[in-house]
N, C-alpha and C. Protein backbone atom coordinates (compact mmCIF):
# COMPACT_ATOMS: atom_id res chain seq x y z
N UNK A 1 125.87 81.44 205.90
CA UNK A 1 127.26 81.64 205.53
C UNK A 1 127.88 80.33 205.08
N UNK A 2 127.59 79.23 205.79
CA UNK A 2 128.16 77.93 205.44
C UNK A 2 127.62 77.45 204.10
N UNK A 3 126.36 77.76 203.81
CA UNK A 3 125.77 77.35 202.53
C UNK A 3 126.44 78.08 201.38
N UNK A 4 126.72 79.36 201.55
CA UNK A 4 127.38 80.16 200.54
C UNK A 4 128.79 79.62 200.30
N UNK A 5 129.49 79.29 201.35
CA UNK A 5 130.86 78.78 201.24
C UNK A 5 130.86 77.44 200.48
N UNK A 6 129.90 76.56 200.81
CA UNK A 6 129.80 75.28 200.10
C UNK A 6 129.52 75.49 198.62
N UNK A 7 128.64 76.44 198.32
CA UNK A 7 128.32 76.73 196.93
C UNK A 7 129.55 77.24 196.19
N UNK A 8 130.32 78.13 196.80
CA UNK A 8 131.54 78.65 196.18
C UNK A 8 132.58 77.56 195.97
N UNK A 9 132.71 76.67 196.94
CA UNK A 9 133.66 75.56 196.79
C UNK A 9 133.22 74.65 195.64
N UNK A 10 131.94 74.35 195.57
CA UNK A 10 131.42 73.50 194.49
C UNK A 10 131.62 74.17 193.13
N UNK A 11 131.37 75.47 193.05
CA UNK A 11 131.56 76.19 191.78
C UNK A 11 133.02 76.18 191.37
N UNK A 12 133.93 76.40 192.32
CA UNK A 12 135.36 76.38 192.00
C UNK A 12 135.82 74.99 191.57
N UNK A 13 135.32 73.95 192.22
CA UNK A 13 135.67 72.59 191.81
C UNK A 13 135.15 72.30 190.40
N UNK A 14 133.95 72.76 190.11
CA UNK A 14 133.40 72.59 188.76
C UNK A 14 134.23 73.29 187.71
N UNK A 15 134.64 74.53 187.98
CA UNK A 15 135.48 75.27 187.04
C UNK A 15 136.84 74.61 186.87
N UNK A 16 137.43 74.15 187.98
CA UNK A 16 138.73 73.47 187.90
C UNK A 16 138.60 72.19 187.08
N UNK A 17 137.51 71.46 187.27
CA UNK A 17 137.28 70.25 186.48
C UNK A 17 137.13 70.56 185.00
N UNK A 18 136.41 71.62 184.68
CA UNK A 18 136.24 72.01 183.28
C UNK A 18 137.57 72.38 182.65
N UNK A 19 138.43 73.05 183.39
CA UNK A 19 139.75 73.42 182.87
C UNK A 19 140.59 72.17 182.61
N UNK A 20 140.54 71.21 183.53
CA UNK A 20 141.31 69.97 183.35
C UNK A 20 140.81 69.20 182.13
N UNK A 21 139.48 69.10 181.99
CA UNK A 21 138.92 68.39 180.84
C UNK A 21 139.30 69.10 179.54
N UNK A 22 139.22 70.42 179.50
CA UNK A 22 139.57 71.16 178.29
C UNK A 22 141.05 71.02 177.96
N UNK A 23 141.90 70.97 178.96
CA UNK A 23 143.34 70.87 178.72
C UNK A 23 143.74 69.51 178.17
N UNK A 24 143.07 68.45 178.61
CA UNK A 24 143.46 67.11 178.19
C UNK A 24 142.60 66.52 177.08
N UNK A 25 141.54 67.21 176.72
CA UNK A 25 140.67 66.69 175.66
C UNK A 25 141.36 66.83 174.31
N UNK A 26 141.26 65.82 173.49
CA UNK A 26 141.82 65.88 172.14
C UNK A 26 140.92 66.71 171.26
N UNK A 27 141.50 67.28 170.24
CA UNK A 27 140.70 68.08 169.33
C UNK A 27 139.95 67.16 168.37
N UNK A 28 138.78 67.58 167.97
CA UNK A 28 137.99 66.82 167.03
C UNK A 28 138.43 67.20 165.63
N UNK A 29 139.22 66.36 165.00
CA UNK A 29 139.79 66.67 163.69
C UNK A 29 138.72 66.84 162.63
N UNK A 30 137.61 66.14 162.77
CA UNK A 30 136.55 66.25 161.78
C UNK A 30 135.84 67.60 161.81
N UNK A 31 135.95 68.31 162.90
CA UNK A 31 135.27 69.59 163.03
C UNK A 31 136.14 70.77 162.63
N UNK A 32 137.43 70.55 162.45
CA UNK A 32 138.33 71.64 162.12
C UNK A 32 138.30 71.90 160.61
N UNK A 33 138.39 73.16 160.20
CA UNK A 33 138.40 73.46 158.77
C UNK A 33 139.68 72.94 158.13
N UNK A 34 139.59 72.71 156.84
CA UNK A 34 140.76 72.22 156.10
C UNK A 34 141.87 73.25 156.16
N UNK A 35 143.09 72.77 156.15
CA UNK A 35 144.24 73.67 156.18
C UNK A 35 144.28 74.49 154.90
N UNK A 36 144.56 75.75 155.04
CA UNK A 36 144.63 76.62 153.86
C UNK A 36 145.78 77.59 154.03
N UNK A 37 146.31 78.01 152.92
CA UNK A 37 147.44 78.92 152.92
C UNK A 37 146.99 80.31 153.36
N UNK A 38 147.93 81.06 153.91
CA UNK A 38 147.65 82.45 154.28
C UNK A 38 147.41 83.23 152.99
N UNK A 39 146.34 83.98 152.96
CA UNK A 39 145.93 84.66 151.74
C UNK A 39 146.67 85.96 151.48
N UNK A 40 146.59 86.38 150.23
CA UNK A 40 147.08 87.69 149.83
C UNK A 40 145.89 88.38 149.17
N UNK A 41 145.42 89.47 149.80
CA UNK A 41 144.13 90.04 149.45
C UNK A 41 144.25 91.34 148.67
N UNK A 42 143.29 91.52 147.77
CA UNK A 42 143.12 92.76 147.02
C UNK A 42 141.65 93.12 147.10
N UNK A 43 141.36 94.41 147.34
CA UNK A 43 139.97 94.87 147.38
C UNK A 43 139.74 95.82 146.21
N UNK A 44 138.60 95.63 145.56
CA UNK A 44 138.24 96.46 144.42
C UNK A 44 136.79 96.87 144.59
N UNK A 45 136.49 98.13 144.38
CA UNK A 45 135.10 98.60 144.41
C UNK A 45 134.51 98.50 143.03
N UNK A 46 133.25 98.14 142.95
CA UNK A 46 132.60 98.03 141.65
C UNK A 46 131.10 98.05 141.81
N UNK A 47 130.41 97.97 140.69
CA UNK A 47 128.96 97.98 140.71
C UNK A 47 128.44 96.55 140.64
N UNK A 48 127.25 96.35 141.18
CA UNK A 48 126.61 95.05 141.17
C UNK A 48 125.89 94.90 139.84
N UNK A 49 126.15 93.81 139.14
CA UNK A 49 125.53 93.57 137.85
C UNK A 49 124.02 93.42 138.02
N UNK A 50 123.27 94.24 137.30
CA UNK A 50 121.82 94.19 137.39
C UNK A 50 121.27 94.85 138.65
N UNK A 51 122.11 95.54 139.42
CA UNK A 51 121.67 96.14 140.67
C UNK A 51 121.44 97.62 140.58
N UNK A 52 121.29 98.16 139.37
CA UNK A 52 121.08 99.59 139.22
C UNK A 52 122.34 100.35 139.62
N UNK A 53 122.20 101.25 140.59
CA UNK A 53 123.36 102.02 141.03
C UNK A 53 123.99 101.45 142.30
N UNK A 54 123.67 100.19 142.65
CA UNK A 54 124.21 99.57 143.85
C UNK A 54 125.69 99.23 143.65
N UNK A 55 126.47 99.47 144.69
CA UNK A 55 127.91 99.21 144.64
C UNK A 55 128.28 98.07 145.56
N UNK A 56 129.44 97.49 145.31
CA UNK A 56 129.92 96.38 146.13
C UNK A 56 131.42 96.49 146.28
N UNK A 57 131.94 95.76 147.26
CA UNK A 57 133.38 95.61 147.44
C UNK A 57 133.71 94.17 147.10
N UNK A 58 134.64 93.97 146.19
CA UNK A 58 135.07 92.64 145.81
C UNK A 58 136.43 92.38 146.46
N UNK A 59 136.50 91.35 147.31
CA UNK A 59 137.74 90.99 147.99
C UNK A 59 138.26 89.72 147.33
N UNK A 60 139.46 89.81 146.77
CA UNK A 60 140.04 88.69 146.03
C UNK A 60 141.25 88.18 146.80
N UNK A 61 141.27 86.88 147.06
CA UNK A 61 142.40 86.19 147.67
C UNK A 61 143.14 85.48 146.55
N UNK A 62 144.27 86.03 146.13
CA UNK A 62 144.99 85.49 144.98
C UNK A 62 145.73 84.20 145.30
N UNK A 63 146.07 83.96 146.55
CA UNK A 63 146.77 82.72 146.92
C UNK A 63 145.82 81.53 146.90
N UNK A 64 144.65 81.68 147.52
CA UNK A 64 143.67 80.59 147.58
C UNK A 64 142.66 80.63 146.43
N UNK A 65 142.79 81.61 145.56
CA UNK A 65 141.96 81.77 144.37
C UNK A 65 140.47 81.80 144.72
N UNK A 66 140.11 82.74 145.59
CA UNK A 66 138.73 82.92 146.00
C UNK A 66 138.34 84.39 145.92
N UNK A 67 137.04 84.65 145.78
CA UNK A 67 136.55 86.02 145.73
C UNK A 67 135.24 86.10 146.52
N UNK A 68 135.09 87.18 147.27
CA UNK A 68 133.87 87.45 148.03
C UNK A 68 133.37 88.83 147.64
N UNK A 69 132.07 88.95 147.42
CA UNK A 69 131.45 90.24 147.14
C UNK A 69 130.70 90.68 148.39
N UNK A 70 130.92 91.93 148.81
CA UNK A 70 130.31 92.47 150.03
C UNK A 70 129.58 93.77 149.71
N UNK A 71 128.52 94.02 150.47
CA UNK A 71 127.76 95.27 150.31
C UNK A 71 127.54 95.87 151.69
N UNK A 72 127.59 97.19 151.79
CA UNK A 72 127.40 97.88 153.07
C UNK A 72 125.90 97.95 153.37
N UNK A 73 125.51 97.47 154.55
CA UNK A 73 124.13 97.54 155.02
C UNK A 73 124.03 98.74 155.95
N UNK A 74 123.45 99.81 155.46
CA UNK A 74 123.39 101.07 156.20
C UNK A 74 122.56 100.95 157.48
N UNK A 75 121.46 100.19 157.44
CA UNK A 75 120.59 100.10 158.61
C UNK A 75 121.24 99.35 159.77
N UNK A 76 122.06 98.32 159.48
CA UNK A 76 122.72 97.56 160.53
C UNK A 76 124.14 98.03 160.78
N UNK A 77 124.70 98.83 159.89
CA UNK A 77 126.05 99.35 160.05
C UNK A 77 127.12 98.27 159.92
N UNK A 78 126.92 97.34 158.96
CA UNK A 78 127.89 96.27 158.77
C UNK A 78 127.89 95.80 157.31
N UNK A 79 128.91 95.05 156.95
CA UNK A 79 129.01 94.50 155.61
C UNK A 79 128.22 93.21 155.51
N UNK A 80 127.48 93.04 154.43
CA UNK A 80 126.74 91.80 154.15
C UNK A 80 127.43 91.08 153.00
N UNK A 81 127.57 89.79 153.13
CA UNK A 81 128.11 88.99 152.04
C UNK A 81 127.07 88.82 150.95
N UNK A 82 127.45 89.08 149.71
CA UNK A 82 126.53 88.94 148.58
C UNK A 82 126.79 87.62 147.87
N UNK A 83 128.06 87.33 147.61
CA UNK A 83 128.38 86.14 146.84
C UNK A 83 129.80 85.69 147.13
N UNK A 84 130.07 84.42 146.85
CA UNK A 84 131.40 83.82 146.98
C UNK A 84 131.68 83.05 145.70
N UNK A 85 132.91 83.15 145.21
CA UNK A 85 133.31 82.39 144.03
C UNK A 85 134.64 81.73 144.28
N UNK A 86 134.76 80.47 143.88
CA UNK A 86 136.04 79.78 143.90
C UNK A 86 136.62 79.97 142.50
N UNK A 87 137.59 80.85 142.37
CA UNK A 87 138.12 81.21 141.06
C UNK A 87 138.86 80.05 140.40
N UNK A 88 139.45 79.18 141.19
CA UNK A 88 140.14 78.02 140.63
C UNK A 88 139.14 77.10 139.93
N UNK A 89 138.02 76.82 140.59
CA UNK A 89 136.99 75.98 139.97
C UNK A 89 136.38 76.66 138.76
N UNK A 90 136.13 77.97 138.84
CA UNK A 90 135.57 78.69 137.71
C UNK A 90 136.50 78.64 136.50
N UNK A 91 137.80 78.73 136.74
CA UNK A 91 138.77 78.71 135.64
C UNK A 91 138.92 77.34 135.01
N UNK A 92 138.58 76.29 135.72
CA UNK A 92 138.71 74.93 135.19
C UNK A 92 137.43 74.37 134.58
N UNK A 93 136.35 75.14 134.58
CA UNK A 93 135.08 74.67 134.00
C UNK A 93 135.20 74.63 132.49
N UNK A 94 134.58 73.60 131.93
CA UNK A 94 134.52 73.52 130.47
C UNK A 94 133.44 74.45 129.98
N UNK A 95 133.76 75.20 128.95
CA UNK A 95 132.77 76.10 128.38
C UNK A 95 131.95 75.33 127.36
N UNK A 96 130.69 75.61 127.32
CA UNK A 96 129.80 74.96 126.38
C UNK A 96 128.98 75.97 125.62
N UNK A 97 128.30 75.49 124.64
CA UNK A 97 127.46 76.40 123.86
C UNK A 97 126.10 76.46 124.40
């Protein structure tokens, strides 16, 4: 019984210490993603180019000028990312011959 009580006290002290460290630890700024504006999204269904009769969902964020293409994976029951495009960068590319 005394061994169990000591173990519980040690576990509680460890958890309390972890909470104190987490509360006072500074955030690692280098690990945080860059600040971005809240998006405004539009979803459009379409076909995948060169994919036969395969369909995709295109999600466009007009505020951040980004687009993601998603496809439904029937076997896993979830959406798979197919492609990502930065529309701002695409619009600023120089066209060549």
